[in-house]
C-alpha atoms as a PDB file:
ATOM      1  CA  MET A   1     -32.711  49.994  17.218  1.00  0.00           C
ATOM      2  CA  ASN A   2     -29.445  48.528  16.000  1.00  0.00           C
ATOM      3  CA  THR A   3     -29.557  44.960  14.749  1.00  0.00           C
ATOM      4  CA  THR A   4     -26.650  42.722  13.898  1.00  0.00           C
ATOM      5  CA  ALA A   5     -26.895  40.785  10.656  1.00  0.00           C
ATOM      6  CA  TYR A   6     -26.341  37.051  10.985  1.00  0.00           C
ATOM      7  CA  LYS A   7     -22.967  35.926   9.663  1.00  0.00           C
ATOM      8  CA  PRO A   8     -22.553  32.228   8.851  1.00  0.00           C
ATOM      9  CA  THR A   9     -19.502  30.419  10.185  1.00  0.00           C
ATOM     10  CA  ILE A  10     -16.702  29.285   7.908  1.00  0.00           C
ATOM     11  CA  MET A  11     -17.956  25.682   7.956  1.00  0.00           C
ATOM     12  CA  GLU A  12     -21.497  26.829   7.139  1.00  0.00           C
ATOM     13  CA  ARG A  13     -20.152  28.703   4.123  1.00  0.00           C
ATOM     14  CA  ILE A  14     -18.170  25.668   2.940  1.00  0.00           C
ATOM     15  CA  LEU A  15     -20.801  22.984   3.567  1.00  0.00           C
ATOM     16  CA  LYS A  16     -23.900  25.154   3.010  1.00  0.00           C
ATOM     17  CA  GLY A  17     -26.938  22.847   3.069  1.00  0.00           C
ATOM     18  CA  ASN A  18     -24.846  19.938   4.376  1.00  0.00           C
ATOM     19  CA  TYR A  19     -23.817  21.799   7.510  1.00  0.00           C
ATOM     20  CA  LYS A  20     -26.218  19.647   9.554  1.00  0.00           C
ATOM     21  CA  TRP A  21     -23.868  16.668   9.088  1.00  0.00           C
ATOM     22  CA  TRP A  22     -20.949  18.668  10.495  1.00  0.00           C
ATOM     23  CA  TYR A  23     -23.125  19.636  13.471  1.00  0.00           C
ATOM     24  CA  TYR A  24     -24.085  16.000  14.047  1.00  0.00           C
ATOM     25  CA  LEU A  25     -20.445  14.884  13.813  1.00  0.00           C
ATOM     26  CA  GLY A  26     -19.485  17.486  16.420  1.00  0.00           C
ATOM     27  CA  HIS A  27     -22.338  16.400  18.689  1.00  0.00           C
ATOM     28  CA  VAL A  28     -21.302  12.736  18.576  1.00  0.00           C
ATOM     29  CA  PHE A  29     -17.645  13.662  19.106  1.00  0.00           C
ATOM     30  CA  LYS A  30     -18.496  15.680  22.222  1.00  0.00           C
ATOM     31  CA  SER A  31     -20.639  12.802  23.492  1.00  0.00           C
ATOM     32  CA  SER A  32     -17.721  10.387  23.098  1.00  0.00           C
ATOM     33  CA  THR A  33     -15.499  12.539  25.323  1.00  0.00           C
ATOM     34  CA  ILE A  34     -17.796  11.815  28.269  1.00  0.00           C
ATOM     35  CA  TYR A  35     -16.409   8.288  28.533  1.00  0.00           C
ATOM     36  CA  ARG A  36     -12.772   9.296  28.939  1.00  0.00           C
ATOM     37  CA  GLY A  37     -12.060   6.587  31.523  1.00  0.00           C
ATOM     38  CA  SER A  38     -13.210   3.692  29.363  1.00  0.00           C
ATOM     39  CA  THR A  39     -11.479   5.230  26.335  1.00  0.00           C
ATOM     40  CA  LEU A  40      -8.224   5.427  28.308  1.00  0.00           C
ATOM     41  CA  ILE A  41      -8.480   1.760  29.308  1.00  0.00           C
ATOM     42  CA  TYR A  42      -9.245   0.843  25.705  1.00  0.00           C
ATOM     43  CA  MET A  43      -6.206   2.783  24.468  1.00  0.00           C
ATOM     44  CA  VAL A  44      -3.888   1.262  27.091  1.00  0.00           C
ATOM     45  CA  GLY A  45      -4.959  -2.206  25.935  1.00  0.00           C
ATOM     46  CA  ARG A  46      -4.326  -1.369  22.286  1.00  0.00           C
ATOM     47  CA  PHE A  47      -0.870   0.045  22.957  1.00  0.00           C
ATOM     48  CA  LEU A  48       0.122  -2.868  25.136  1.00  0.00           C
ATOM     49  CA  ILE A  49      -0.689  -5.188  22.230  1.00  0.00           C
ATOM     50  CA  LEU A  50       1.142  -2.916  19.773  1.00  0.00           C
ATOM     51  CA  GLY A  51       4.192  -2.610  22.017  1.00  0.00           C
ATOM     52  CA  LEU A  52       4.361  -6.341  22.733  1.00  0.00           C
ATOM     53  CA  THR A  53       3.985  -7.172  19.035  1.00  0.00           C
ATOM     54  CA  ILE A  54       6.908  -4.915  18.091  1.00  0.00           C
ATOM     55  CA  LEU A  55       8.943  -6.273  21.033  1.00  0.00           C
ATOM     56  CA  ILE A  56       8.353  -9.896  19.976  1.00  0.00           C
ATOM     57  CA  TRP A  57       9.475  -9.084  16.429  1.00  0.00           C
ATOM     58  CA  TYR A  58      12.527  -7.244  17.772  1.00  0.00           C
ATOM     59  CA  LEU A  59      13.557 -10.205  19.939  1.00  0.00           C
ATOM     60  CA  ASN A  60      13.084 -12.611  17.018  1.00  0.00           C
ATOM     61  CA  ILE A  61      15.182 -10.426  14.719  1.00  0.00           C
ATOM     62  CA  GLN A  62      17.862 -10.157  17.399  1.00  0.00           C
ATOM     63  CA  ALA A  63      17.811 -13.961  17.638  1.00  0.00           C
ATOM     64  CA  GLY A  64      18.551 -14.237  13.929  1.00  0.00           C
ATOM     65  CA  SER A  65      15.160 -14.157  12.180  1.00  0.00           C
ATOM     66  CA  ASN A  66      15.465 -12.709   8.678  1.00  0.00           C
ATOM     67  CA  LEU A  67      11.806 -12.662   7.638  1.00  0.00           C
ATOM     68  CA  LEU A  68      11.646  -8.872   7.879  1.00  0.00           C
ATOM     69  CA  SER A  69      13.997  -6.116   8.971  1.00  0.00           C
ATOM     70  CA  PHE A  70      13.168  -4.294  12.195  1.00  0.00           C
ATOM     71  CA  GLU A  71      12.754  -1.049  10.225  1.00  0.00           C
ATOM     72  CA  THR A  72      10.084  -2.733   8.095  1.00  0.00           C
ATOM     73  CA  VAL A  73       8.342  -4.171  11.157  1.00  0.00           C
ATOM     74  CA  PHE A  74       8.434  -0.876  13.068  1.00  0.00           C
ATOM     75  CA  THR A  75       7.082   1.096  10.104  1.00  0.00           C
ATOM     76  CA  TYR A  76       4.496  -1.581   9.280  1.00  0.00           C
ATOM     77  CA  TYR A  77       2.819  -1.413  12.682  1.00  0.00           C
ATOM     78  CA  ILE A  78       3.269   2.296  13.343  1.00  0.00           C
ATOM     79  CA  ALA A  79       1.976   3.422   9.935  1.00  0.00           C
ATOM     80  CA  GLY A  80      -0.856   0.891  10.028  1.00  0.00           C
ATOM     81  CA  SER A  81      -1.945   1.907  13.520  1.00  0.00           C
ATOM     82  CA  LEU A  82      -1.591   5.627  12.778  1.00  0.00           C
ATOM     83  CA  PHE A  83      -3.927   5.680   9.794  1.00  0.00           C
ATOM     84  CA  SER A  84      -6.185   2.676  10.378  1.00  0.00           C
ATOM     85  CA  PHE A  85      -9.264   4.376  11.823  1.00  0.00           C
ATOM     86  CA  SER A  86     -11.360   2.292  14.176  1.00  0.00           C
ATOM     87  CA  SER A  87     -14.990   1.549  13.444  1.00  0.00           C
ATOM     88  CA  GLY A  88     -17.791   0.068  15.509  1.00  0.00           C
ATOM     89  CA  MET A  89     -20.548  -0.122  12.915  1.00  0.00           C
ATOM     90  CA  GLU A  90     -21.351  -3.760  13.635  1.00  0.00           C
ATOM     91  CA  TRP A  91     -22.160  -2.864  17.238  1.00  0.00           C
ATOM     92  CA  ASN A  92     -24.173   0.209  16.198  1.00  0.00           C
ATOM     93  CA  VAL A  93     -26.266  -1.633  13.594  1.00  0.00           C
ATOM     94  CA  GLY A  94     -26.578  -4.827  15.621  1.00  0.00           C
ATOM     95  CA  GLN A  95     -27.647  -3.008  18.786  1.00  0.00           C
ATOM     96  CA  ALA A  96     -30.151  -0.820  16.891  1.00  0.00           C
ATOM     97  CA  ILE A  97     -31.762  -3.954  15.462  1.00  0.00           C
ATOM     98  CA  LYS A  98     -31.690  -5.779  18.795  1.00  0.00           C
ATOM     99  CA  ASP A  99     -33.221  -3.014  20.951  1.00  0.00           C
ATOM    100  CA  GLY A 100     -35.649  -1.829  18.274  1.00  0.00           C
ATOM    101  CA  SER A 101     -34.279   1.712  17.999  1.00  0.00           C
ATOM    102  CA  LEU A 102     -33.779   1.059  14.282  1.00  0.00           C
ATOM    103  CA  SER A 103     -37.515   1.696  13.787  1.00  0.00           C
ATOM    104  CA  SER A 104     -37.312   5.309  14.935  1.00  0.00           C
ATOM    105  CA  SER A 105     -34.098   5.871  12.974  1.00  0.00           C
ATOM    106  CA  LEU A 106     -35.664   4.708   9.711  1.00  0.00           C
ATOM    107  CA  ILE A 107     -38.526   7.195   9.859  1.00  0.00           C
ATOM    108  CA  LYS A 108     -36.243  10.197  10.271  1.00  0.00           C
ATOM    109  CA  PRO A 109     -35.792  12.396   7.168  1.00  0.00           C
ATOM    110  CA  GLN A 110     -32.010  11.858   7.166  1.00  0.00           C
ATOM    111  CA  PRO A 111     -30.681   8.692   5.469  1.00  0.00           C
ATOM    112  CA  TYR A 112     -30.075   6.069   8.164  1.00  0.00           C
ATOM    113  CA  PHE A 113     -26.687   4.833   6.980  1.00  0.00           C
ATOM    114  CA  VAL A 114     -25.330   8.341   6.362  1.00  0.00           C
ATOM    115  CA  MET A 115     -26.137   9.239   9.965  1.00  0.00           C
ATOM    116  CA  ALA A 116     -24.792   5.887  11.190  1.00  0.00           C
ATOM    117  CA  ILE A 117     -21.459   6.300   9.388  1.00  0.00           C
ATOM    118  CA  ILE A 118     -21.016   9.927  10.485  1.00  0.00           C
ATOM    119  CA  GLY A 119     -21.969   8.966  14.023  1.00  0.00           C
ATOM    120  CA  ASP A 120     -19.556   6.037  13.966  1.00  0.00           C
ATOM    121  CA  PHE A 121     -16.686   8.230  12.757  1.00  0.00           C
ATOM    122  CA  GLY A 122     -17.460  10.929  15.312  1.00  0.00           C
ATOM    123  CA  TRP A 123     -17.707   8.420  18.155  1.00  0.00           C
ATOM    124  CA  TRP A 124     -14.286   6.882  17.439  1.00  0.00           C
ATOM    125  CA  LEU A 125     -12.613  10.180  16.518  1.00  0.00           C
ATOM    126  CA  PHE A 126     -11.764  10.960  20.147  1.00  0.00           C
ATOM    127  CA  SER A 127      -9.857   7.711  20.685  1.00  0.00           C
ATOM    128  CA  ASN A 128      -8.186   8.061  17.271  1.00  0.00           C
ATOM    129  CA  ILE A 129      -6.924  11.544  18.172  1.00  0.00           C
ATOM    130  CA  ILE A 130      -5.439  10.230  21.422  1.00  0.00           C
ATOM    131  CA  GLU A 131      -3.908   7.295  19.575  1.00  0.00           C
ATOM    132  CA  THR A 132      -2.408   9.606  16.954  1.00  0.00           C
ATOM    133  CA  ILE A 133      -0.738  11.743  19.632  1.00  0.00           C
ATOM    134  CA  ILE A 134       0.796   8.690  21.319  1.00  0.00           C
ATOM    135  CA  LEU A 135       1.924   7.219  17.998  1.00  0.00           C
ATOM    136  CA  LEU A 136       3.592  10.510  17.070  1.00  0.00           C
ATOM    137  CA  VAL A 137       5.542  10.269  20.332  1.00  0.00           C
ATOM    138  CA  LEU A 138       6.602   6.720  19.416  1.00  0.00           C
ATOM    139  CA  ILE A 139       7.638   7.925  15.959  1.00  0.00           C
ATOM    140  CA  ALA A 140       9.766  10.655  17.530  1.00  0.00           C
ATOM    141  CA  ILE A 141      11.428   8.096  19.821  1.00  0.00           C
ATOM    142  CA  GLY A 142      12.084   5.497  17.120  1.00  0.00           C
ATOM    143  CA  PHE A 143      12.428   7.781  14.101  1.00  0.00           C
ATOM    144  CA  GLN A 144      15.718   6.121  13.101  1.00  0.00           C
ATOM    145  CA  PHE A 145      13.765   2.918  12.453  1.00  0.00           C
ATOM    146  CA  LEU A 146      10.999   4.590  10.426  1.00  0.00           C
ATOM    147  CA  ILE A 147      10.934   4.116   6.657  1.00  0.00           C
ATOM    148  CA  VAL A 148       9.911   7.495   5.227  1.00  0.00           C
ATOM    149  CA  PRO A 149       7.712   7.112   2.122  1.00  0.00           C
ATOM    150  CA  THR A 150       7.910   9.151  -1.049  1.00  0.00           C
ATOM    151  CA  LEU A 151       5.250  11.810  -1.575  1.00  0.00           C
ATOM    152  CA  ILE A 152       3.530   9.648  -4.213  1.00  0.00           C
ATOM    153  CA  ASN A 153       3.444   6.589  -1.965  1.00  0.00           C
ATOM    154  CA  LEU A 154       2.157   8.670   0.935  1.00  0.00           C
ATOM    155  CA  SER A 155      -0.612  10.131  -1.246  1.00  0.00           C
ATOM    156  CA  LEU A 156      -1.650   6.699  -2.539  1.00  0.00           C
ATOM    157  CA  PHE A 157      -1.517   5.359   1.013  1.00  0.00           C
ATOM    158  CA  MET A 158      -3.884   8.082   2.255  1.00  0.00           C
ATOM    159  CA  VAL A 159      -6.328   7.303  -0.566  1.00  0.00           C
ATOM    160  CA  LEU A 160      -6.242   3.627   0.424  1.00  0.00           C
ATOM    161  CA  CYS A 161      -6.812   4.524   4.072  1.00  0.00           C
ATOM    162  CA  VAL A 162     -10.065   6.283   3.188  1.00  0.00           C
ATOM    163  CA  ILE A 163     -11.225   3.363   1.033  1.00  0.00           C
ATOM    164  CA  SER A 164     -10.172   0.853   3.694  1.00  0.00           C
ATOM    165  CA  TYR A 165     -12.271   2.623   6.318  1.00  0.00           C
ATOM    166  CA  PHE A 166     -15.401   2.243   4.198  1.00  0.00           C
ATOM    167  CA  ILE A 167     -14.544  -1.387   3.418  1.00  0.00           C
ATOM    168  CA  LYS A 168     -14.432  -2.010   7.186  1.00  0.00           C
ATOM    169  CA  VAL A 169     -17.741  -0.190   7.588  1.00  0.00           C
ATOM    170  CA  MET A 170     -19.419  -2.336   4.921  1.00  0.00           C
ATOM    171  CA  ILE A 171     -18.056  -5.567   6.410  1.00  0.00           C
ATOM    172  CA  GLN A 172     -19.303  -4.517   9.832  1.00  0.00           C
ATOM    173  CA  ILE A 173     -22.738  -3.560   8.517  1.00  0.00           C
ATOM    174  CA  ILE A 174     -22.989  -7.068   7.047  1.00  0.00           C
ATOM    175  CA  ILE A 175     -22.019  -8.544  10.421  1.00  0.00           C
ATOM    176  CA  GLY A 176     -24.478  -6.256  12.214  1.00  0.00           C
ATOM    177  CA  THR A 177     -27.367  -7.405  10.006  1.00  0.00           C
ATOM    178  CA  PHE A 178     -27.071 -10.898  11.531  1.00  0.00           C
ATOM    179  CA  ALA A 179     -29.070  -9.382  14.388  1.00  0.00           C
ATOM    180  CA  PHE A 180     -32.124  -9.715  12.141  1.00  0.00           C
ATOM    181  CA  TYR A 181     -31.756 -13.494  12.320  1.00  0.00           C
ATOM    182  CA  LEU A 182     -30.128 -14.173  15.712  1.00  0.00           C
ATOM    183  CA  ILE A 183     -31.362 -13.385  19.209  1.00  0.00           C
ATOM    184  CA  ASP A 184     -27.925 -12.211  20.340  1.00  0.00           C
ATOM    185  CA  ILE A 185     -24.972 -11.573  18.008  1.00  0.00           C
ATOM    186  CA  ASN A 186     -22.412 -10.459  20.606  1.00  0.00           C
ATOM    187  CA  GLY A 187     -20.617 -13.778  20.182  1.00  0.00           C
ATOM    188  CA  VAL A 188     -20.551 -13.411  16.405  1.00  0.00           C
ATOM    189  CA  MET A 189     -19.182  -9.864  16.663  1.00  0.00           C
ATOM    190  CA  ASN A 190     -16.485 -10.876  19.152  1.00  0.00           C
ATOM    191  CA  ILE A 191     -15.336 -13.790  16.981  1.00  0.00           C
ATOM    192  CA  THR A 192     -15.320 -11.798  13.736  1.00  0.00           C
ATOM    193  CA  GLY A 193     -13.535  -8.939  15.503  1.00  0.00           C
ATOM    194  CA  GLN A 194     -10.709 -11.266  16.486  1.00  0.00           C
ATOM    195  CA  LEU A 195     -10.586 -12.868  13.036  1.00  0.00           C
ATOM    196  CA  GLN A 196     -10.260  -9.465  11.387  1.00  0.00           C
ATOM    197  CA  LEU A 197      -6.983  -8.890  13.262  1.00  0.00           C
ATOM    198  CA  TYR A 198      -5.449 -11.833  11.395  1.00  0.00           C
ATOM    199  CA  LEU A 199      -7.304 -11.562   8.094  1.00  0.00           C
ATOM    200  CA  SER A 200      -6.330  -7.900   7.719  1.00  0.00           C
ATOM    201  CA  GLY A 201      -2.649  -8.524   8.419  1.00  0.00           C
ATOM    202  CA  LYS A 202      -2.684  -6.405  11.550  1.00  0.00           C
ATOM    203  CA  ALA A 203      -1.635  -9.245  13.832  1.00  0.00           C
ATOM    204  CA  LEU A 204       0.851 -10.727  11.350  1.00  0.00           C
ATOM    205  CA  PRO A 205       2.031  -9.398   7.964  1.00  0.00           C
ATOM    206  CA  LEU A 206       0.494 -11.532   5.238  1.00  0.00           C
ATOM    207  CA  ASN A 207       3.711 -11.797   3.229  1.00  0.00           C
ATOM    208  CA  VAL A 208       5.842 -13.612   5.832  1.00  0.00           C
ATOM    209  CA  ALA A 209       4.633 -17.093   4.882  1.00  0.00           C
ATOM    210  CA  GLY A 210       3.257 -18.654   1.703  1.00  0.00           C
ATOM    211  CA  ILE A 211       0.364 -20.240   3.598  1.00  0.00           C
ATOM    212  CA  LEU A 212      -1.007 -16.738   4.255  1.00  0.00           C
ATOM    213  CA  LEU A 213      -1.077 -15.649   0.602  1.00  0.00           C
ATOM    214  CA  PRO A 214      -4.697 -16.833  -0.081  1.00  0.00           C
ATOM    215  CA  ILE A 215      -5.828 -14.345   2.578  1.00  0.00           C
ATOM    216  CA  THR A 216      -4.433 -11.473   0.500  1.00  0.00           C
ATOM    217  CA  VAL A 217      -7.295 -11.752  -2.012  1.00  0.00           C
ATOM    218  CA  LEU A 218      -9.935 -11.245   0.699  1.00  0.00           C
ATOM    219  CA  PRO A 219     -11.347  -7.767   1.446  1.00  0.00           C
ATOM    220  CA  TRP A 220      -9.835  -7.635   4.943  1.00  0.00           C
ATOM    221  CA  ALA A 221      -6.329  -7.468   3.456  1.00  0.00           C
ATOM    222  CA  PHE A 222      -7.252  -4.134   1.871  1.00  0.00           C
ATOM    223  CA  THR A 223      -8.023  -2.613   5.274  1.00  0.00           C
ATOM    224  CA  TYR A 224      -4.465  -2.869   6.629  1.00  0.00           C
ATOM    225  CA  PHE A 225      -1.926  -5.022   4.782  1.00  0.00           C
ATOM    226  CA  TYR A 226      -2.071  -3.482   1.301  1.00  0.00           C
ATOM    227  CA  PRO A 227      -2.176   0.175   2.399  1.00  0.00           C
ATOM    228  CA  VAL A 228       0.936  -0.331   4.546  1.00  0.00           C
ATOM    229  CA  GLN A 229       2.724  -2.169   1.726  1.00  0.00           C
ATOM    230  CA  VAL A 230       2.121   0.883  -0.472  1.00  0.00           C
ATOM    231  CA  PHE A 231       3.440   3.101   2.344  1.00  0.00           C
ATOM    232  CA  LEU A 232       6.581   0.958   2.562  1.00  0.00           C
ATOM    233  CA  GLY A 233       7.156   1.311  -1.188  1.00  0.00           C
ATOM    234  CA  GLU A 234       6.848  -2.424  -1.861  1.00  0.00           C
ATOM    235  CA  TYR A 235       4.899  -1.823  -5.082  1.00  0.00           C
ATOM    236  CA  THR A 236       5.471   0.100  -8.281  1.00  0.00           C
ATOM    237  CA  LEU A 237       3.118   2.936  -9.185  1.00  0.00           C
ATOM    238  CA  ILE A 238       1.127   0.659 -11.526  1.00  0.00           C
ATOM    239  CA  GLN A 239       0.855  -2.027  -8.833  1.00  0.00           C
ATOM    240  CA  SER A 240      -0.271   0.535  -6.255  1.00  0.00           C
ATOM    241  CA  LEU A 241      -2.954   1.826  -8.625  1.00  0.00           C
ATOM    242  CA  GLY A 242      -4.004  -1.796  -9.129  1.00  0.00           C
ATOM    243  CA  VAL A 243      -4.392  -2.172  -5.359  1.00  0.00           C
ATOM    244  CA  ILE A 244      -6.596   0.931  -5.294  1.00  0.00           C
ATOM    245  CA  ALA A 245      -8.708  -0.432  -8.153  1.00  0.00           C
ATOM    246  CA  ALA A 246      -9.108  -3.813  -6.426  1.00  0.00           C
ATOM    247  CA  SER A 247     -10.064  -2.131  -3.144  1.00  0.00           C
ATOM    248  CA  LEU A 248     -12.744  -0.087  -4.939  1.00  0.00           C
ATOM    249  CA  VAL A 249     -14.125  -3.272  -6.503  1.00  0.00           C
ATOM    250  CA  TRP A 250     -14.347  -4.899  -3.071  1.00  0.00           C
ATOM    251  CA  LEU A 251     -15.997  -1.769  -1.664  1.00  0.00           C
ATOM    252  CA  ILE A 252     -18.692  -1.831  -4.368  1.00  0.00           C
ATOM    253  CA  VAL A 253     -19.277  -5.578  -3.928  1.00  0.00           C
ATOM    254  CA  LEU A 254     -19.495  -5.305  -0.136  1.00  0.00           C
ATOM    255  CA  ALA A 255     -21.808  -2.287  -0.348  1.00  0.00           C
ATOM    256  CA  GLY A 256     -24.137  -4.318  -2.573  1.00  0.00           C
ATOM    257  CA  ILE A 257     -24.091  -7.281  -0.169  1.00  0.00           C
ATOM    258  CA  ALA A 258     -24.671  -4.994   2.833  1.00  0.00           C
ATOM    259  CA  LYS A 259     -27.648  -3.335   1.128  1.00  0.00           C
ATOM    260  CA  MET A 260     -29.151  -6.681   0.091  1.00  0.00           C
ATOM    261  CA  MET A 261     -28.797  -8.221   3.577  1.00  0.00           C
ATOM    262  CA  PHE A 262     -30.188  -5.128   5.272  1.00  0.00           C
ATOM    263  CA  LEU A 263     -33.252  -4.907   3.008  1.00  0.00           C
ATOM    264  CA  ARG A 264     -33.938  -8.639   3.364  1.00  0.00           C
ATOM    265  CA  GLY A 265     -33.521  -8.371   7.109  1.00  0.00           C
ATOM    266  CA  LEU A 266     -36.057  -5.551   7.290  1.00  0.00           C
ATOM    267  CA  LYS A 267     -38.696  -7.967   6.021  1.00  0.00           C
ATOM    268  CA  LYS A 268     -38.144 -10.029   9.194  1.00  0.00           C
ATOM    269  CA  PHE A 269     -37.874  -7.017  11.491  1.00  0.00           C
ATOM    270  CA  GLU A 270     -40.871  -6.907  13.862  1.00  0.00           C
ATOM    271  CA  SER A 271     -39.798  -4.446  16.557  1.00  0.00           C
ATOM    272  CA  VAL A 272     -41.872  -1.304  17.078  1.00  0.00           C
ATOM    273  CA  GLY A 273     -38.834   0.614  18.324  1.00  0.00           C
ATOM    274  CA  LEU A 274     -38.081   2.567  21.451  1.00  0.00           C
END
């Protein structure tokens, strides 16, 4: 009887023992595509805000505002939106604590936060892919207004985008751990979600007014404002490397705070899980 020898896939060969994480990422991604209707509504809302923001800046510049050029504004919001991956870790952690499902997750052999981060990335990957396609269309339409970065600035920008994603994840884990102490943290998550739009520089560039400068030392600024400034070429190479170093420091600090709050919260956790 002829038998066919098993041949591992390309990803199995590359990842070897870690292939299970790739499988889990794919599973979560496929699950997220089920909710196409809600994702579409979510994306329409985001692009309405993006479009209106750029339009308001355009009208102000046409009226004589000289805070920023339209090319800078257009590139600032397009580049920031294109590479600023969404994350919902505060909802994932907070809901797991609230409904008790955290108990069953903690006893699994896989590290809880590794699975949570991979699951979070996979869940939002679908909407990010759609957003990327639409943003590429906008770039094609308004390419004459786009500031094209140098290869070095683009490379440094991509490094910062990866770091900024994990900074957002750590901040959101910290927010999610408030569920250990509060009956319902939906209000806290909604408020902090809105604040992050302004603290990160996504709603308004942090260099347009001196009163905003103190915000630039906070970790949120490293999730949007600083990466885009590097993309725009506003910093020298040394300054850009300094931004990367500062973002890594914030990432380490926030990871330590997130771990401390989570472990302390577990001492108060009384749910038996679902």
